[in-house]
Amino acid sequence: MKRQAVLKRIKIAARRAGLDHREIELTNHTGVIVGSTRSTIGRHTEIADGTARAFFKQFEQELGKGWWR
């Protein structure tokens, strides 16, 4: 899955849930904050599907169980 698609999917889900969404460029990663949950994703063009799923799961508390499906 493309990195931009992962970030776009989180951004859209945060808007639908009415939550604050921010992306912060760090040294080698991009920090993503949704509500009170923080996570980082690498700056690779392609993100492995398993890695993308694990990244999405980190935001389940804010966006609901299985929100990315």
C-alpha atoms as a PDB file:
ATOM      1  CA  MET A   1       0.000   0.000   0.000  1.00  0.00           C
ATOM      2  CA  LYS A   2       1.320   3.448  -0.833  1.00  0.00           C
ATOM      3  CA  ARG A   3       2.374   5.649   2.086  1.00  0.00           C
ATOM      4  CA  GLN A   4       0.190   8.527   0.904  1.00  0.00           C
ATOM      5  CA  ALA A   5      -2.849   6.207   0.747  1.00  0.00           C
ATOM      6  CA  VAL A   6      -2.249   5.134   4.363  1.00  0.00           C
ATOM      7  CA  LEU A   7      -2.038   8.739   5.555  1.00  0.00           C
ATOM      8  CA  LYS A   8      -5.086   9.771   3.496  1.00  0.00           C
ATOM      9  CA  ARG A   9      -7.196   6.921   4.906  1.00  0.00           C
ATOM     10  CA  ILE A  10      -6.375   7.987   8.483  1.00  0.00           C
ATOM     11  CA  LYS A  11      -7.079  11.642   7.700  1.00  0.00           C
ATOM     12  CA  ILE A  12     -10.504  10.874   6.209  1.00  0.00           C
ATOM     13  CA  ALA A  13     -11.455   8.587   9.119  1.00  0.00           C
ATOM     14  CA  ALA A  14     -10.435  11.249  11.650  1.00  0.00           C
ATOM     15  CA  ARG A  15     -12.580  13.859   9.880  1.00  0.00           C
ATOM     16  CA  ARG A  16     -15.587  11.517   9.870  1.00  0.00           C
ATOM     17  CA  ALA A  17     -15.145  10.888  13.601  1.00  0.00           C
ATOM     18  CA  GLY A  18     -14.754  14.621  14.270  1.00  0.00           C
ATOM     19  CA  LEU A  19     -11.272  14.189  15.746  1.00  0.00           C
ATOM     20  CA  ASP A  20      -8.202  16.377  15.495  1.00  0.00           C
ATOM     21  CA  HIS A  21      -5.641  15.041  12.981  1.00  0.00           C
ATOM     22  CA  ARG A  22      -2.030  16.200  12.663  1.00  0.00           C
ATOM     23  CA  GLU A  23       1.015  14.996  10.752  1.00  0.00           C
ATOM     24  CA  ILE A  24       4.450  16.009  12.013  1.00  0.00           C
ATOM     25  CA  GLU A  25       7.579  15.425   9.937  1.00  0.00           C
ATOM     26  CA  LEU A  26      10.283  13.929  12.133  1.00  0.00           C
ATOM     27  CA  THR A  27      13.840  13.034  11.103  1.00  0.00           C
ATOM     28  CA  ASN A  28      13.176   9.667   9.422  1.00  0.00           C
ATOM     29  CA  HIS A  29       9.475   9.162  10.112  1.00  0.00           C
ATOM     30  CA  THR A  30       6.175  10.988   9.975  1.00  0.00           C
ATOM     31  CA  GLY A  31       4.353  11.361  13.270  1.00  0.00           C
ATOM     32  CA  VAL A  32       0.580  11.026  13.126  1.00  0.00           C
ATOM     33  CA  ILE A  33      -1.689  12.235  15.916  1.00  0.00           C
ATOM     34  CA  VAL A  34      -5.410  11.438  15.947  1.00  0.00           C
ATOM     35  CA  GLY A  35      -7.209  12.645  19.037  1.00  0.00           C
ATOM     36  CA  SER A  36      -4.886  11.630  21.875  1.00  0.00           C
ATOM     37  CA  THR A  37      -3.233   8.681  20.077  1.00  0.00           C
ATOM     38  CA  ARG A  38       0.235   9.116  18.557  1.00  0.00           C
ATOM     39  CA  SER A  39       2.142   6.882  16.191  1.00  0.00           C
ATOM     40  CA  THR A  40       4.919   7.061  13.605  1.00  0.00           C
ATOM     41  CA  ILE A  41       5.225   5.670  10.098  1.00  0.00           C
ATOM     42  CA  GLY A  42       8.397   5.410   8.037  1.00  0.00           C
ATOM     43  CA  ARG A  43       9.062   7.483   4.952  1.00  0.00           C
ATOM     44  CA  HIS A  44       9.023   4.569   2.526  1.00  0.00           C
ATOM     45  CA  THR A  45       7.062   4.865  -0.711  1.00  0.00           C
ATOM     46  CA  GLU A  46       5.502   1.424  -0.207  1.00  0.00           C
ATOM     47  CA  ILE A  47       4.235   0.238   3.171  1.00  0.00           C
ATOM     48  CA  ALA A  48       3.787  -3.528   3.558  1.00  0.00           C
ATOM     49  CA  ASP A  49       0.141  -4.562   4.049  1.00  0.00           C
ATOM     50  CA  GLY A  50       0.864  -6.133   7.430  1.00  0.00           C
ATOM     51  CA  THR A  51       2.638  -2.985   8.589  1.00  0.00           C
ATOM     52  CA  ALA A  52      -0.245  -0.796   7.392  1.00  0.00           C
ATOM     53  CA  ARG A  53      -2.760  -2.980   9.270  1.00  0.00           C
ATOM     54  CA  ALA A  54      -0.675  -2.772  12.457  1.00  0.00           C
ATOM     55  CA  PHE A  55      -0.456   1.009  12.021  1.00  0.00           C
ATOM     56  CA  PHE A  56      -4.232   1.243  11.557  1.00  0.00           C
ATOM     57  CA  LYS A  57      -4.844  -0.937  14.633  1.00  0.00           C
ATOM     58  CA  GLN A  58      -3.009   1.586  16.795  1.00  0.00           C
ATOM     59  CA  PHE A  59      -5.843   4.058  16.164  1.00  0.00           C
ATOM     60  CA  GLU A  60      -8.715   1.663  17.015  1.00  0.00           C
ATOM     61  CA  GLN A  61      -9.256   3.312  20.384  1.00  0.00           C
ATOM     62  CA  GLU A  62      -9.985   6.641  18.677  1.00  0.00           C
ATOM     63  CA  LEU A  63     -11.665   5.521  15.451  1.00  0.00           C
ATOM     64  CA  GLY A  64     -13.383   2.270  16.462  1.00  0.00           C
ATOM     65  CA  LYS A  65     -12.607  -1.397  16.025  1.00  0.00           C
ATOM     66  CA  GLY A  66     -11.914  -2.388  12.423  1.00  0.00           C
ATOM     67  CA  TRP A  67     -12.399   1.166  11.119  1.00  0.00           C
ATOM     68  CA  TRP A  68     -10.102   0.645   8.123  1.00  0.00           C
ATOM     69  CA  ARG A  69     -12.085  -2.241   6.582  1.00  0.00           C
END
